[in-house]
PDB file of N, CA and C in Angstrom:
ATOM      1  N   UNK A   1     -53.677-180.252-126.116  1.00  0.00           N
ATOM      2  CA  UNK A   1     -52.936-181.420-125.226  1.00  0.00           C
ATOM      3  C   UNK A   1     -53.642-181.125-123.876  1.00  0.00           C
ATOM      4  N   UNK A   2     -53.953-182.249-123.250  1.00  0.00           N
ATOM      5  CA  UNK A   2     -54.710-182.483-122.085  1.00  0.00           C
ATOM      6  C   UNK A   2     -53.852-181.794-120.882  1.00  0.00           C
ATOM      7  N   UNK A   3     -54.536-181.584-119.988  1.00  0.00           N
ATOM      8  CA  UNK A   3     -53.698-181.248-118.413  1.00  0.00           C
ATOM      9  C   UNK A   3     -52.990-182.133-117.987  1.00  0.00           C
ATOM     10  N   UNK A   4     -53.286-183.411-118.013  1.00  0.00           N
ATOM     11  CA  UNK A   4     -52.498-184.703-117.404  1.00  0.00           C
ATOM     12  C   UNK A   4     -51.155-184.871-118.102  1.00  0.00           C
ATOM     13  N   UNK A   5     -51.511-184.710-119.548  1.00  0.00           N
ATOM     14  CA  UNK A   5     -50.232-184.904-120.435  1.00  0.00           C
ATOM     15  C   UNK A   5     -49.256-183.531-120.311  1.00  0.00           C
ATOM     16  N   UNK A   6     -49.704-182.484-120.014  1.00  0.00           N
ATOM     17  CA  UNK A   6     -48.888-181.317-119.868  1.00  0.00           C
ATOM     18  C   UNK A   6     -47.877-181.518-118.555  1.00  0.00           C
ATOM     19  N   UNK A   7     -48.597-182.023-117.561  1.00  0.00           N
ATOM     20  CA  UNK A   7     -48.252-182.341-116.257  1.00  0.00           C
ATOM     21  C   UNK A   7     -47.064-183.312-116.206  1.00  0.00           C
ATOM     22  N   UNK A   8     -47.467-184.434-117.132  1.00  0.00           N
ATOM     23  CA  UNK A   8     -46.382-185.330-117.149  1.00  0.00           C
ATOM     24  C   UNK A   8     -45.147-184.940-118.018  1.00  0.00           C
ATOM     25  N   UNK A   9     -45.455-184.093-118.936  1.00  0.00           N
ATOM     26  CA  UNK A   9     -44.349-183.560-119.926  1.00  0.00           C
ATOM     27  C   UNK A   9     -43.274-182.707-119.005  1.00  0.00           C
ATOM     28  N   UNK A  10     -44.052-182.020-118.080  1.00  0.00           N
ATOM     29  CA  UNK A  10     -43.234-181.036-117.342  1.00  0.00           C
ATOM     30  C   UNK A  10     -42.574-181.792-116.129  1.00  0.00           C
ATOM     31  N   UNK A  11     -43.041-182.690-115.763  1.00  0.00           N
ATOM     32  CA  UNK A  11     -42.299-183.725-114.695  1.00  0.00           C
ATOM     33  C   UNK A  11     -41.243-184.516-115.228  1.00  0.00           C
ATOM     34  N   UNK A  12     -41.294-184.860-116.527  1.00  0.00           N
ATOM     35  CA  UNK A  12     -40.042-185.459-117.167  1.00  0.00           C
ATOM     36  C   UNK A  12     -39.159-184.541-117.332  1.00  0.00           C
ATOM     37  N   UNK A  13     -39.316-183.254-117.875  1.00  0.00           N
ATOM     38  CA  UNK A  13     -38.226-182.172-118.197  1.00  0.00           C
ATOM     39  C   UNK A  13     -37.703-181.975-116.741  1.00  0.00           C
ATOM     40  N   UNK A  14     -38.316-181.620-115.866  1.00  0.00           N
ATOM     41  CA  UNK A  14     -37.863-181.277-114.538  1.00  0.00           C
ATOM     42  C   UNK A  14     -36.897-182.245-113.983  1.00  0.00           C
ATOM     43  N   UNK A  15     -37.319-183.626-114.149  1.00  0.00           N
ATOM     44  CA  UNK A  15     -36.246-184.760-113.757  1.00  0.00           C
ATOM     45  C   UNK A  15     -35.125-184.859-114.379  1.00  0.00           C
ATOM     46  N   UNK A  16     -35.299-184.446-115.674  1.00  0.00           N
ATOM     47  CA  UNK A  16     -34.072-184.461-116.440  1.00  0.00           C
ATOM     48  C   UNK A  16     -32.963-183.445-116.206  1.00  0.00           C
ATOM     49  N   UNK A  17     -33.794-182.257-115.808  1.00  0.00           N
ATOM     50  CA  UNK A  17     -33.013-181.118-115.279  1.00  0.00           C
ATOM     51  C   UNK A  17     -32.047-181.571-114.206  1.00  0.00           C
ATOM     52  N   UNK A  18     -32.808-181.965-113.181  1.00  0.00           N
ATOM     53  CA  UNK A  18     -32.306-182.346-111.866  1.00  0.00           C
ATOM     54  C   UNK A  18     -31.064-183.490-112.071  1.00  0.00           C
ATOM     55  N   UNK A  19     -31.433-184.381-112.827  1.00  0.00           N
ATOM     56  CA  UNK A  19     -30.466-185.445-113.223  1.00  0.00           C
ATOM     57  C   UNK A  19     -29.136-185.163-113.355  1.00  0.00           C
ATOM     58  N   UNK A  20     -29.287-184.093-114.748  1.00  0.00           N
ATOM     59  CA  UNK A  20     -28.044-183.451-115.164  1.00  0.00           C
ATOM     60  C   UNK A  20     -27.341-182.307-114.003  1.00  0.00           C
ATOM     61  N   UNK A  21     -28.076-181.840-113.286  1.00  0.00           N
ATOM     62  CA  UNK A  21     -27.588-180.989-112.280  1.00  0.00           C
ATOM     63  C   UNK A  21     -26.994-181.799-111.271  1.00  0.00           C
ATOM     64  N   UNK A  22     -27.305-182.905-110.803  1.00  0.00           N
ATOM     65  CA  UNK A  22     -26.649-183.701-109.682  1.00  0.00           C
ATOM     66  C   UNK A  22     -25.456-184.265-110.550  1.00  0.00           C
ATOM     67  N   UNK A  23     -25.505-184.783-111.782  1.00  0.00           N
ATOM     68  CA  UNK A  23     -24.228-185.459-112.476  1.00  0.00           C
ATOM     69  C   UNK A  23     -23.232-184.372-112.496  1.00  0.00           C
ATOM     70  N   UNK A  24     -23.376-182.962-112.501  1.00  0.00           N
ATOM     71  CA  UNK A  24     -22.368-182.081-112.449  1.00  0.00           C
ATOM     72  C   UNK A  24     -21.587-181.892-111.060  1.00  0.00           C
ATOM     73  N   UNK A  25     -22.473-182.088-110.167  1.00  0.00           N
ATOM     74  CA  UNK A  25     -21.887-181.870-108.927  1.00  0.00           C
ATOM     75  C   UNK A  25     -21.056-183.125-108.423  1.00  0.00           C
ATOM     76  N   UNK A  26     -21.538-184.342-108.682  1.00  0.00           N
ATOM     77  CA  UNK A  26     -20.801-185.614-108.495  1.00  0.00           C
ATOM     78  C   UNK A  26     -19.464-185.541-109.293  1.00  0.00           C
ATOM     79  N   UNK A  27     -19.354-185.008-110.601  1.00  0.00           N
ATOM     80  CA  UNK A  27     -18.385-185.202-111.378  1.00  0.00           C
ATOM     81  C   UNK A  27     -17.261-183.889-110.818  1.00  0.00           C
ATOM     82  N   UNK A  28     -17.540-183.154-109.767  1.00  0.00           N
ATOM     83  CA  UNK A  28     -16.480-182.279-109.311  1.00  0.00           C
ATOM     84  C   UNK A  28     -16.561-180.874-109.697  1.00  0.00           C
ATOM     85  N   UNK A  29     -17.774-180.346-110.529  1.00  0.00           N
ATOM     86  CA  UNK A  29     -18.013-179.183-110.724  1.00  0.00           C
ATOM     87  C   UNK A  29     -18.874-178.238-109.934  1.00  0.00           C
ATOM     88  N   UNK A  30     -18.643-178.486-108.576  1.00  0.00           N
ATOM     89  CA  UNK A  30     -19.451-177.692-107.713  1.00  0.00           C
ATOM     90  C   UNK A  30     -18.376-176.569-107.221  1.00  0.00           C
ATOM     91  N   UNK A  31     -18.671-175.348-106.728  1.00  0.00           N
ATOM     92  CA  UNK A  31     -18.045-174.266-106.528  1.00  0.00           C
ATOM     93  C   UNK A  31     -17.602-174.427-105.033  1.00  0.00           C
ATOM     94  N   UNK A  32     -18.675-174.717-104.151  1.00  0.00           N
ATOM     95  CA  UNK A  32     -18.113-174.883-102.732  1.00  0.00           C
ATOM     96  C   UNK A  32     -17.505-176.211-102.161  1.00  0.00           C
ATOM     97  N   UNK A  33     -16.639-176.882-102.821  1.00  0.00           N
ATOM     98  CA  UNK A  33     -15.997-178.129-102.525  1.00  0.00           C
ATOM     99  C   UNK A  33     -14.876-177.676-101.523  1.00  0.00           C
ATOM    100  N   UNK A  34     -14.221-176.654-101.817  1.00  0.00           N
ATOM    101  CA  UNK A  34     -13.165-176.111-100.777  1.00  0.00           C
ATOM    102  C   UNK A  34     -13.568-174.931-100.170  1.00  0.00           C
ATOM    103  N   UNK A  35     -14.215-174.960 -98.806  1.00  0.00           N
ATOM    104  CA  UNK A  35     -14.792-174.060 -98.309  1.00  0.00           C
ATOM    105  C   UNK A  35     -13.626-172.964 -97.783  1.00  0.00           C
ATOM    106  N   UNK A  36     -13.911-171.503 -97.911  1.00  0.00           N
ATOM    107  CA  UNK A  36     -12.819-170.670 -97.412  1.00  0.00           C
ATOM    108  C   UNK A  36     -12.282-170.519 -96.172  1.00  0.00           C
ATOM    109  N   UNK A  37     -11.187-170.465 -95.918  1.00  0.00           N
ATOM    110  CA  UNK A  37     -10.651-170.620 -94.593  1.00  0.00           C
ATOM    111  C   UNK A  37     -11.439-169.419 -93.524  1.00  0.00           C
ATOM    112  N   UNK A  38     -11.721-170.112 -92.114  1.00  0.00           N
ATOM    113  CA  UNK A  38     -12.326-169.411 -91.332  1.00  0.00           C
ATOM    114  C   UNK A  38     -11.823-167.816 -90.976  1.00  0.00           C
ATOM    115  N   UNK A  39     -12.654-167.106 -90.458  1.00  0.00           N
ATOM    116  CA  UNK A  39     -11.940-165.615 -90.311  1.00  0.00           C
ATOM    117  C   UNK A  39     -11.239-165.779 -89.049  1.00  0.00           C
ATOM    118  N   UNK A  40     -10.452-164.589 -88.964  1.00  0.00           N
ATOM    119  CA  UNK A  40      -9.686-164.583 -87.682  1.00  0.00           C
ATOM    120  C   UNK A  40     -10.211-163.492 -87.047  1.00  0.00           C
ATOM    121  N   UNK A  41      -9.977-163.577 -85.565  1.00  0.00           N
ATOM    122  CA  UNK A  41     -10.610-162.586 -84.592  1.00  0.00           C
ATOM    123  C   UNK A  41      -9.262-161.827 -84.373  1.00  0.00           C
ATOM    124  N   UNK A  42      -9.485-160.241 -84.260  1.00  0.00           N
ATOM    125  CA  UNK A  42      -8.581-159.605 -84.020  1.00  0.00           C
ATOM    126  C   UNK A  42      -9.320-158.220 -83.165  1.00  0.00           C
ATOM    127  N   UNK A  43      -8.392-157.586 -82.270  1.00  0.00           N
ATOM    128  CA  UNK A  43      -8.784-156.681 -81.293  1.00  0.00           C
ATOM    129  C   UNK A  43      -8.276-155.329 -81.763  1.00  0.00           C
ATOM    130  N   UNK A  44      -9.162-154.461 -82.155  1.00  0.00           N
ATOM    131  CA  UNK A  44      -8.694-152.929 -82.688  1.00  0.00           C
ATOM    132  C   UNK A  44      -8.609-152.143 -81.310  1.00  0.00           C
ATOM    133  N   UNK A  45      -7.620-151.452 -81.109  1.00  0.00           N
ATOM    134  CA  UNK A  45      -7.810-150.687 -79.874  1.00  0.00           C
ATOM    135  C   UNK A  45      -7.730-149.054 -80.474  1.00  0.00           C
ATOM    136  N   UNK A  46      -8.826-148.395 -80.283  1.00  0.00           N
ATOM    137  CA  UNK A  46      -8.900-146.934 -80.481  1.00  0.00           C
ATOM    138  C   UNK A  46      -9.188-146.051 -79.518  1.00  0.00           C
ATOM    139  N   UNK A  47      -9.091-144.823 -79.793  1.00  0.00           N
ATOM    140  CA  UNK A  47      -9.009-143.841 -78.651  1.00  0.00           C
ATOM    141  C   UNK A  47     -10.161-142.635 -79.134  1.00  0.00           C
ATOM    142  N   UNK A  48     -11.285-142.434 -78.347  1.00  0.00           N
ATOM    143  CA  UNK A  48     -12.021-141.187 -78.636  1.00  0.00           C
ATOM    144  C   UNK A  48     -11.612-140.007 -78.873  1.00  0.00           C
ATOM    145  N   UNK A  49     -11.746-139.355 -79.852  1.00  0.00           N
ATOM    146  CA  UNK A  49     -11.041-138.074 -80.232  1.00  0.00           C
ATOM    147  C   UNK A  49     -11.391-137.079 -78.890  1.00  0.00           C
ATOM    148  N   UNK A  50     -12.668-137.057 -78.309  1.00  0.00           N
ATOM    149  CA  UNK A  50     -13.056-136.107 -77.697  1.00  0.00           C
ATOM    150  C   UNK A  50     -12.857-136.334 -76.101  1.00  0.00           C
ATOM    151  N   UNK A  51     -12.889-137.578 -75.862  1.00  0.00           N
ATOM    152  CA  UNK A  51     -13.137-138.015 -74.188  1.00  0.00           C
ATOM    153  C   UNK A  51     -11.532-138.716 -74.188  1.00  0.00           C
ATOM    154  N   UNK A  52     -10.899-139.000 -74.849  1.00  0.00           N
ATOM    155  CA  UNK A  52      -9.663-139.958 -75.048  1.00  0.00           C
ATOM    156  C   UNK A  52     -10.024-141.158 -74.329  1.00  0.00           C
ATOM    157  N   UNK A  53     -11.061-141.738 -74.318  1.00  0.00           N
ATOM    158  CA  UNK A  53     -11.269-143.035 -73.753  1.00  0.00           C
ATOM    159  C   UNK A  53     -10.692-143.934 -74.647  1.00  0.00           C
ATOM    160  N   UNK A  54     -10.356-145.425 -74.239  1.00  0.00           N
ATOM    161  CA  UNK A  54      -9.645-146.230 -75.077  1.00  0.00           C
ATOM    162  C   UNK A  54     -10.732-147.419 -75.181  1.00  0.00           C
ATOM    163  N   UNK A  55     -11.042-147.829 -76.249  1.00  0.00           N
ATOM    164  CA  UNK A  55     -12.133-149.099 -76.714  1.00  0.00           C
ATOM    165  C   UNK A  55     -11.478-149.977 -77.128  1.00  0.00           C
ATOM    166  N   UNK A  56     -11.471-151.235 -76.678  1.00  0.00           N
ATOM    167  CA  UNK A  56     -10.826-152.320 -77.444  1.00  0.00           C
ATOM    168  C   UNK A  56     -12.172-153.034 -78.101  1.00  0.00           C
ATOM    169  N   UNK A  57     -12.145-152.973 -79.568  1.00  0.00           N
ATOM    170  CA  UNK A  57     -13.044-153.424 -80.408  1.00  0.00           C
ATOM    171  C   UNK A  57     -12.865-154.846 -81.099  1.00  0.00           C
ATOM    172  N   UNK A  58     -13.590-155.828 -80.756  1.00  0.00           N
ATOM    173  CA  UNK A  58     -13.213-157.211 -81.464  1.00  0.00           C
ATOM    174  C   UNK A  58     -13.929-157.315 -82.534  1.00  0.00           C
ATOM    175  N   UNK A  59     -13.187-157.726 -83.614  1.00  0.00           N
ATOM    176  CA  UNK A  59     -13.779-157.794 -84.841  1.00  0.00           C
ATOM    177  C   UNK A  59     -13.538-159.080 -85.683  1.00  0.00           C
ATOM    178  N   UNK A  60     -14.093-159.613 -86.617  1.00  0.00           N
ATOM    179  CA  UNK A  60     -13.737-160.647 -87.417  1.00  0.00           C
ATOM    180  C   UNK A  60     -13.380-160.362 -88.698  1.00  0.00           C
ATOM    181  N   UNK A  61     -12.167-160.964 -89.256  1.00  0.00           N
ATOM    182  CA  UNK A  61     -11.451-160.301 -90.497  1.00  0.00           C
ATOM    183  C   UNK A  61     -11.291-161.532 -91.357  1.00  0.00           C
ATOM    184  N   UNK A  62     -11.310-161.464 -92.715  1.00  0.00           N
ATOM    185  CA  UNK A  62     -11.110-162.422 -93.367  1.00  0.00           C
ATOM    186  C   UNK A  62      -9.602-162.998 -93.263  1.00  0.00           C
ATOM    187  N   UNK A  63      -9.281-164.254 -93.481  1.00  0.00           N
ATOM    188  CA  UNK A  63      -8.253-164.844 -93.127  1.00  0.00           C
ATOM    189  C   UNK A  63      -6.964-164.626 -94.260  1.00  0.00           C
ATOM    190  N   UNK A  64      -7.166-164.019 -95.091  1.00  0.00           N
ATOM    191  CA  UNK A  64      -6.548-163.128 -96.034  1.00  0.00           C
ATOM    192  C   UNK A  64      -5.869-162.052 -95.729  1.00  0.00           C
ATOM    193  N   UNK A  65      -6.454-161.348 -94.604  1.00  0.00           N
ATOM    194  CA  UNK A  65      -5.929-160.116 -93.948  1.00  0.00           C
ATOM    195  C   UNK A  65      -4.492-160.518 -93.097  1.00  0.00           C
ATOM    196  N   UNK A  66      -3.383-160.197 -93.698  1.00  0.00           N
ATOM    197  CA  UNK A  66      -2.082-160.486 -93.064  1.00  0.00           C
ATOM    198  C   UNK A  66      -1.385-159.282 -92.576  1.00  0.00           C
ATOM    199  N   UNK A  67      -0.694-159.445 -91.413  1.00  0.00           N
ATOM    200  CA  UNK A  67      -0.020-158.264 -91.078  1.00  0.00           C
ATOM    201  C   UNK A  67      -0.844-157.247 -90.478  1.00  0.00           C
ATOM    202  N   UNK A  68      -0.058-156.297 -89.868  1.00  0.00           N
ATOM    203  CA  UNK A  68      -0.767-155.211 -89.288  1.00  0.00           C
ATOM    204  C   UNK A  68      -1.325-154.049 -90.283  1.00  0.00           C
ATOM    205  N   UNK A  69      -2.503-153.602 -90.090  1.00  0.00           N
ATOM    206  CA  UNK A  69      -3.090-152.549 -90.794  1.00  0.00           C
ATOM    207  C   UNK A  69      -2.447-151.171 -90.962  1.00  0.00           C
ATOM    208  N   UNK A  70      -2.890-150.420 -91.863  1.00  0.00           N
ATOM    209  CA  UNK A  70      -2.475-148.998 -91.695  1.00  0.00           C
ATOM    210  C   UNK A  70      -3.631-148.445 -91.156  1.00  0.00           C
ATOM    211  N   UNK A  71      -3.375-147.578 -90.338  1.00  0.00           N
ATOM    212  CA  UNK A  71      -4.409-146.917 -89.536  1.00  0.00           C
ATOM    213  C   UNK A  71      -4.092-145.455 -89.732  1.00  0.00           C
ATOM    214  N   UNK A  72      -5.210-144.606 -89.714  1.00  0.00           N
ATOM    215  CA  UNK A  72      -5.254-143.352 -89.922  1.00  0.00           C
ATOM    216  C   UNK A  72      -6.648-142.603 -89.314  1.00  0.00           C
ATOM    217  N   UNK A  73      -6.510-141.412 -88.732  1.00  0.00           N
ATOM    218  CA  UNK A  73      -7.571-140.822 -88.218  1.00  0.00           C
ATOM    219  C   UNK A  73      -8.198-139.886 -89.397  1.00  0.00           C
ATOM    220  N   UNK A  74      -9.349-139.750 -89.649  1.00  0.00           N
ATOM    221  CA  UNK A  74      -9.921-138.705 -90.421  1.00  0.00           C
ATOM    222  C   UNK A  74     -11.121-137.745 -89.457  1.00  0.00           C
ATOM    223  N   UNK A  75     -11.114-136.585 -89.850  1.00  0.00           N
ATOM    224  CA  UNK A  75     -12.205-135.776 -89.387  1.00  0.00           C
ATOM    225  C   UNK A  75     -13.408-136.043 -90.436  1.00  0.00           C
ATOM    226  N   UNK A  76     -14.563-135.808 -89.665  1.00  0.00           N
ATOM    227  CA  UNK A  76     -15.821-135.957 -90.533  1.00  0.00           C
ATOM    228  C   UNK A  76     -16.766-134.773 -90.151  1.00  0.00           C
ATOM    229  N   UNK A  77     -17.674-134.558 -91.258  1.00  0.00           N
ATOM    230  CA  UNK A  77     -18.596-133.349 -91.004  1.00  0.00           C
ATOM    231  C   UNK A  77     -19.336-133.612 -90.083  1.00  0.00           C
ATOM    232  N   UNK A  78     -19.897-135.014 -89.797  1.00  0.00           N
ATOM    233  CA  UNK A  78     -20.891-134.879 -88.602  1.00  0.00           C
ATOM    234  C   UNK A  78     -20.245-136.111 -87.723  1.00  0.00           C
ATOM    235  N   UNK A  79     -20.252-135.697 -86.395  1.00  0.00           N
ATOM    236  CA  UNK A  79     -19.632-136.634 -85.611  1.00  0.00           C
ATOM    237  C   UNK A  79     -18.384-136.106 -85.208  1.00  0.00           C
ATOM    238  N   UNK A  80     -17.791-136.983 -84.748  1.00  0.00           N
ATOM    239  CA  UNK A  80     -16.307-136.649 -84.231  1.00  0.00           C
ATOM    240  C   UNK A  80     -15.132-137.267 -84.834  1.00  0.00           C
ATOM    241  N   UNK A  81     -15.346-137.751 -86.061  1.00  0.00           N
ATOM    242  CA  UNK A  81     -14.245-138.400 -86.839  1.00  0.00           C
ATOM    243  C   UNK A  81     -14.137-139.741 -86.887  1.00  0.00           C
ATOM    244  N   UNK A  82     -13.171-140.328 -87.519  1.00  0.00           N
ATOM    245  CA  UNK A  82     -13.294-141.876 -87.542  1.00  0.00           C
ATOM    246  C   UNK A  82     -11.839-142.530 -87.849  1.00  0.00           C
ATOM    247  N   UNK A  83     -11.759-143.412 -87.496  1.00  0.00           N
ATOM    248  CA  UNK A  83     -10.141-144.516 -87.492  1.00  0.00           C
ATOM    249  C   UNK A  83     -10.714-145.578 -88.504  1.00  0.00           C
ATOM    250  N   UNK A  84      -9.433-145.313 -89.434  1.00  0.00           N
ATOM    251  CA  UNK A  84      -9.581-146.304 -90.669  1.00  0.00           C
ATOM    252  C   UNK A  84      -8.489-147.282 -90.418  1.00  0.00           C
ATOM    253  N   UNK A  85      -8.913-148.575 -90.676  1.00  0.00           N
ATOM    254  CA  UNK A  85      -7.713-149.630 -90.425  1.00  0.00           C
ATOM    255  C   UNK A  85      -7.979-150.354 -91.956  1.00  0.00           C
ATOM    256  N   UNK A  86      -6.755-150.278 -92.499  1.00  0.00           N
ATOM    257  CA  UNK A  86      -6.778-151.004 -93.917  1.00  0.00           C
ATOM    258  C   UNK A  86      -5.610-151.804 -93.947  1.00  0.00           C
ATOM    259  N   UNK A  87      -6.081-153.250 -94.418  1.00  0.00           N
ATOM    260  CA  UNK A  87      -4.854-154.221 -94.721  1.00  0.00           C
ATOM    261  C   UNK A  87      -4.329-153.945 -96.265  1.00  0.00           C
ATOM    262  N   UNK A  88      -3.468-154.810 -96.619  1.00  0.00           N
ATOM    263  CA  UNK A  88      -2.785-154.678 -97.694  1.00  0.00           C
ATOM    264  C   UNK A  88      -3.702-155.322 -99.132  1.00  0.00           C
ATOM    265  N   UNK A  89      -4.474-156.205 -98.424  1.00  0.00           N
ATOM    266  CA  UNK A  89      -5.410-156.813 -99.451  1.00  0.00           C
ATOM    267  C   UNK A  89      -6.806-155.960 -99.897  1.00  0.00           C
ATOM    268  N   UNK A  90      -6.773-154.695 -99.083  1.00  0.00           N
ATOM    269  CA  UNK A  90      -7.908-153.793 -99.514  1.00  0.00           C
ATOM    270  C   UNK A  90      -9.000-153.943 -98.577  1.00  0.00           C
ATOM    271  N   UNK A  91      -9.014-154.902 -97.690  1.00  0.00           N
ATOM    272  CA  UNK A  91     -10.221-155.021 -96.710  1.00  0.00           C
ATOM    273  C   UNK A  91     -10.171-153.913 -95.533  1.00  0.00           C
ATOM    274  N   UNK A  92     -11.145-153.043 -95.345  1.00  0.00           N
ATOM    275  CA  UNK A  92     -11.229-151.998 -94.616  1.00  0.00           C
ATOM    276  C   UNK A  92     -12.239-152.141 -93.440  1.00  0.00           C
ATOM    277  N   UNK A  93     -11.797-151.679 -92.114  1.00  0.00           N
ATOM    278  CA  UNK A  93     -12.543-151.540 -90.993  1.00  0.00           C
ATOM    279  C   UNK A  93     -12.561-150.043 -90.702  1.00  0.00           C
ATOM    280  N   UNK A  94     -13.947-149.468 -90.620  1.00  0.00           N
ATOM    281  CA  UNK A  94     -14.268-148.245 -90.129  1.00  0.00           C
ATOM    282  C   UNK A  94     -14.617-148.163 -88.959  1.00  0.00           C
ATOM    283  N   UNK A  95     -14.144-147.392 -87.816  1.00  0.00           N
ATOM    284  CA  UNK A  95     -14.679-147.148 -86.412  1.00  0.00           C
ATOM    285  C   UNK A  95     -15.117-145.655 -86.517  1.00  0.00           C
ATOM    286  N   UNK A  96     -16.368-145.309 -86.578  1.00  0.00           N
ATOM    287  CA  UNK A  96     -16.742-143.979 -86.497  1.00  0.00           C
ATOM    288  C   UNK A  96     -17.196-143.743 -85.113  1.00  0.00           C
ATOM    289  N   UNK A  97     -17.311-142.377 -84.916  1.00  0.00           N
ATOM    290  CA  UNK A  97     -17.490-141.717 -83.527  1.00  0.00           C
ATOM    291  C   UNK A  97     -18.571-140.700 -83.645  1.00  0.00           C
ATOM    292  N   UNK A  98     -20.099-141.126 -83.489  1.00  0.00           N
ATOM    293  CA  UNK A  98     -20.798-140.194 -83.780  1.00  0.00           C
ATOM    294  C   UNK A  98     -21.127-139.368 -82.586  1.00  0.00           C
ATOM    295  N   UNK A  99     -22.133-138.081 -82.963  1.00  0.00           N
ATOM    296  CA  UNK A  99     -21.967-137.045 -82.055  1.00  0.00           C
ATOM    297  C   UNK A  99     -22.868-137.358 -80.760  1.00  0.00           C
ATOM    298  N   UNK A 100     -23.532-138.523 -80.694  1.00  0.00           N
ATOM    299  CA  UNK A 100     -24.148-138.861 -79.466  1.00  0.00           C
ATOM    300  C   UNK A 100     -23.192-139.716 -78.611  1.00  0.00           C
ATOM    301  N   UNK A 101     -21.910-139.923 -79.041  1.00  0.00           N
ATOM    302  CA  UNK A 101     -21.184-140.786 -78.097  1.00  0.00           C
ATOM    303  C   UNK A 101     -20.921-142.117 -78.498  1.00  0.00           C
ATOM    304  N   UNK A 102     -20.201-142.979 -78.057  1.00  0.00           N
ATOM    305  CA  UNK A 102     -19.765-144.103 -78.278  1.00  0.00           C
ATOM    306  C   UNK A 102     -18.913-144.411 -79.752  1.00  0.00           C
ATOM    307  N   UNK A 103     -19.164-145.451 -80.483  1.00  0.00           N
ATOM    308  CA  UNK A 103     -18.634-145.749 -81.745  1.00  0.00           C
ATOM    309  C   UNK A 103     -19.634-146.595 -82.491  1.00  0.00           C
ATOM    310  N   UNK A 104     -19.087-146.932 -83.727  1.00  0.00           N
ATOM    311  CA  UNK A 104     -20.034-147.777 -84.672  1.00  0.00           C
ATOM    312  C   UNK A 104     -18.691-148.120 -85.554  1.00  0.00           C
ATOM    313  N   UNK A 105     -18.904-149.342 -85.938  1.00  0.00           N
ATOM    314  CA  UNK A 105     -17.866-150.071 -86.569  1.00  0.00           C
ATOM    315  C   UNK A 105     -18.459-150.573 -88.089  1.00  0.00           C
ATOM    316  N   UNK A 106     -17.904-150.283 -88.949  1.00  0.00           N
ATOM    317  CA  UNK A 106     -18.196-150.506 -90.422  1.00  0.00           C
ATOM    318  C   UNK A 106     -17.203-151.222 -91.123  1.00  0.00           C
ATOM    319  N   UNK A 107     -17.510-152.542 -91.449  1.00  0.00           N
ATOM    320  CA  UNK A 107     -16.544-153.522 -92.134  1.00  0.00           C
ATOM    321  C   UNK A 107     -16.728-153.701 -94.001  1.00  0.00           C
ATOM    322  N   UNK A 108     -15.736-153.540 -94.709  1.00  0.00           N
ATOM    323  CA  UNK A 108     -16.127-153.564 -96.088  1.00  0.00           C
ATOM    324  C   UNK A 108     -14.702-154.017 -96.731  1.00  0.00           C
ATOM    325  N   UNK A 109     -14.897-154.401 -98.032  1.00  0.00           N
ATOM    326  CA  UNK A 109     -13.899-154.624 -98.929  1.00  0.00           C
ATOM    327  C   UNK A 109     -13.733-153.661-100.022  1.00  0.00           C
ATOM    328  N   UNK A 110     -12.653-153.050-100.157  1.00  0.00           N
ATOM    329  CA  UNK A 110     -12.676-151.996-101.254  1.00  0.00           C
ATOM    330  C   UNK A 110     -12.415-152.284-102.350  1.00  0.00           C
TER     331      UNK A 110
END
């Protein structure tokens, strides 16, 4: 088969694939038709375990996090511990207190 015939065949196949994909989107089969609700901003207040300084930490959490989170303090092997904020849907924000001072925020879904 010649090179030009191969190119023409591949162009036709690619065009057919694009036509099928665009007809699926027009038929209402796209996943992003309903965007998720925007995240909500909350301010978490933590107290450093060594200095007792209070920090107000603004974080964005998913809109599905409703109500007040469960809060607990945990000691850590390295650093000065961590505060764990967990909502009923399993979303978790961890505020760690490293040995050098300050804090570090870690957000994740469990």
